[in-house]
Amino acid sequence: MVTQVNNANFGPAQTISVGASPFTWTNNTSTPVNVMVSGGTVTSVSISADGATFTNIGLLGGQFHLNPSQQIQIVYALAPTMGFMPI
């Protein structure tokens, strides 16, 4: 069962289609999300609050919290699997 709140679906994780490296994904939902990054050959994970300055967070995978409009950038040699879940 999926519940919708503020136009965001709460329920199963939604898949992110990973594009070419460096790949940037923006939280265009109206609610905070957790972004999951796993597998592949990732060389850096960075987060931006302003869309211009990215801060490398020192991890190569895991779960990352993004508020609306924040971005995550993944640099990789082999694409990881990514998804997100509104929280």
C-alpha atoms as a PDB file:
ATOM      1  CA  MET A   1       0.000   0.000   0.000  1.00  0.00           C
ATOM      2  CA  VAL A   2       1.254   3.464  -0.894  1.00  0.00           C
ATOM      3  CA  THR A   3       0.100   6.568   0.977  1.00  0.00           C
ATOM      4  CA  GLN A   4       0.372  10.008  -0.628  1.00  0.00           C
ATOM      5  CA  VAL A   5       1.196  13.083   1.485  1.00  0.00           C
ATOM      6  CA  ASN A   6       2.049  16.481  -0.057  1.00  0.00           C
ATOM      7  CA  ASN A   7       2.254  14.870  -3.515  1.00  0.00           C
ATOM      8  CA  ALA A   8       4.927  12.416  -2.307  1.00  0.00           C
ATOM      9  CA  ASN A   9       4.409   8.676  -2.232  1.00  0.00           C
ATOM     10  CA  PHE A  10       5.267   6.920   1.003  1.00  0.00           C
ATOM     11  CA  GLY A  11       5.821   3.251   0.492  1.00  0.00           C
ATOM     12  CA  PRO A  12       8.191   1.220  -1.659  1.00  0.00           C
ATOM     13  CA  ALA A  13      11.439   2.879  -2.652  1.00  0.00           C
ATOM     14  CA  GLN A  14      11.382   4.521  -6.058  1.00  0.00           C
ATOM     15  CA  THR A  15      14.156   3.753  -8.528  1.00  0.00           C
ATOM     16  CA  ILE A  16      16.523   6.457  -9.772  1.00  0.00           C
ATOM     17  CA  SER A  17      17.802   5.922 -13.329  1.00  0.00           C
ATOM     18  CA  VAL A  18      21.523   6.649 -13.135  1.00  0.00           C
ATOM     19  CA  GLY A  19      22.916   8.667 -16.045  1.00  0.00           C
ATOM     20  CA  ALA A  20      26.484   9.339 -17.116  1.00  0.00           C
ATOM     21  CA  SER A  21      29.148  10.093 -14.526  1.00  0.00           C
ATOM     22  CA  PRO A  22      29.209  12.492 -12.791  1.00  0.00           C
ATOM     23  CA  PHE A  23      25.504  11.906 -12.174  1.00  0.00           C
ATOM     24  CA  THR A  24      23.488  14.525 -10.281  1.00  0.00           C
ATOM     25  CA  TRP A  25      20.017  13.873  -8.882  1.00  0.00           C
ATOM     26  CA  THR A  26      17.807  16.634  -7.450  1.00  0.00           C
ATOM     27  CA  ASN A  27      15.128  16.066  -4.836  1.00  0.00           C
ATOM     28  CA  ASN A  28      12.237  17.602  -6.766  1.00  0.00           C
ATOM     29  CA  THR A  29       9.656  16.314  -4.300  1.00  0.00           C
ATOM     30  CA  SER A  30       8.024  18.533  -1.710  1.00  0.00           C
ATOM     31  CA  THR A  31       9.288  16.415   1.185  1.00  0.00           C
ATOM     32  CA  PRO A  32      12.649  15.189   2.536  1.00  0.00           C
ATOM     33  CA  VAL A  33      13.864  11.876   1.123  1.00  0.00           C
ATOM     34  CA  ASN A  34      16.477   9.243   1.865  1.00  0.00           C
ATOM     35  CA  VAL A  35      18.543   8.382  -1.213  1.00  0.00           C
ATOM     36  CA  MET A  36      20.084   4.907  -1.309  1.00  0.00           C
ATOM     37  CA  VAL A  37      23.323   4.290  -3.223  1.00  0.00           C
ATOM     38  CA  SER A  38      24.739   0.764  -3.491  1.00  0.00           C
ATOM     39  CA  GLY A  39      26.992  -1.334  -5.662  1.00  0.00           C
ATOM     40  CA  GLY A  40      28.902  -0.207  -8.705  1.00  0.00           C
ATOM     41  CA  THR A  41      32.350   1.361  -8.498  1.00  0.00           C
ATOM     42  CA  VAL A  42      31.717   4.741  -6.881  1.00  0.00           C
ATOM     43  CA  THR A  43      34.626   7.143  -6.380  1.00  0.00           C
ATOM     44  CA  SER A  44      32.783  10.005  -4.650  1.00  0.00           C
ATOM     45  CA  VAL A  45      29.422  11.060  -3.242  1.00  0.00           C
ATOM     46  CA  SER A  46      28.776  14.780  -2.788  1.00  0.00           C
ATOM     47  CA  ILE A  47      25.771  16.805  -1.641  1.00  0.00           C
ATOM     48  CA  SER A  48      24.744  20.358  -2.548  1.00  0.00           C
ATOM     49  CA  ALA A  49      22.227  22.642  -0.890  1.00  0.00           C
ATOM     50  CA  ASP A  50      22.564  25.424  -3.477  1.00  0.00           C
ATOM     51  CA  GLY A  51      23.067  23.523  -6.752  1.00  0.00           C
ATOM     52  CA  ALA A  52      26.513  25.048  -7.272  1.00  0.00           C
ATOM     53  CA  THR A  53      28.775  23.965  -4.402  1.00  0.00           C
ATOM     54  CA  PHE A  54      29.095  20.227  -3.788  1.00  0.00           C
ATOM     55  CA  THR A  55      30.618  18.840  -0.595  1.00  0.00           C
ATOM     56  CA  ASN A  56      32.216  15.390  -0.730  1.00  0.00           C
ATOM     57  CA  ILE A  57      30.844  13.487   2.240  1.00  0.00           C
ATOM     58  CA  GLY A  58      33.583  10.852   2.368  1.00  0.00           C
ATOM     59  CA  LEU A  59      31.362   7.795   1.850  1.00  0.00           C
ATOM     60  CA  LEU A  60      30.974   5.681  -1.290  1.00  0.00           C
ATOM     61  CA  GLY A  61      27.525   4.281  -0.635  1.00  0.00           C
ATOM     62  CA  GLY A  62      24.726   4.111   1.887  1.00  0.00           C
ATOM     63  CA  GLN A  63      21.649   6.156   2.665  1.00  0.00           C
ATOM     64  CA  PHE A  64      21.726   9.958   2.381  1.00  0.00           C
ATOM     65  CA  HIS A  65      19.135  12.489   3.576  1.00  0.00           C
ATOM     66  CA  LEU A  66      18.127  15.216   1.089  1.00  0.00           C
ATOM     67  CA  ASN A  67      15.715  18.053   1.754  1.00  0.00           C
ATOM     68  CA  PRO A  68      13.613  19.424  -1.118  1.00  0.00           C
ATOM     69  CA  SER A  69      15.786  21.014  -3.857  1.00  0.00           C
ATOM     70  CA  GLN A  70      19.038  19.536  -2.490  1.00  0.00           C
ATOM     71  CA  GLN A  71      21.203  17.517  -4.872  1.00  0.00           C
ATOM     72  CA  ILE A  72      23.395  14.431  -4.660  1.00  0.00           C
ATOM     73  CA  GLN A  73      26.227  13.894  -7.138  1.00  0.00           C
ATOM     74  CA  ILE A  74      27.773  10.488  -7.754  1.00  0.00           C
ATOM     75  CA  VAL A  75      31.081  10.001  -9.588  1.00  0.00           C
ATOM     76  CA  TYR A  76      31.633   6.420 -10.681  1.00  0.00           C
ATOM     77  CA  ALA A  77      33.462   4.036 -13.025  1.00  0.00           C
ATOM     78  CA  LEU A  78      30.645   1.428 -12.907  1.00  0.00           C
ATOM     79  CA  ALA A  79      27.135   2.773 -12.235  1.00  0.00           C
ATOM     80  CA  PRO A  80      25.635   2.083  -8.797  1.00  0.00           C
ATOM     81  CA  THR A  81      22.030   1.197  -8.045  1.00  0.00           C
ATOM     82  CA  MET A  82      20.083   4.167  -6.692  1.00  0.00           C
ATOM     83  CA  GLY A  83      16.643   4.752  -5.262  1.00  0.00           C
ATOM     84  CA  PHE A  84      14.832   7.085  -2.895  1.00  0.00           C
ATOM     85  CA  MET A  85      12.086   6.983  -0.311  1.00  0.00           C
ATOM     86  CA  PRO A  86      10.189  10.003   1.023  1.00  0.00           C
ATOM     87  CA  ILE A  87      10.406  10.335   4.797  1.00  0.00           C
END
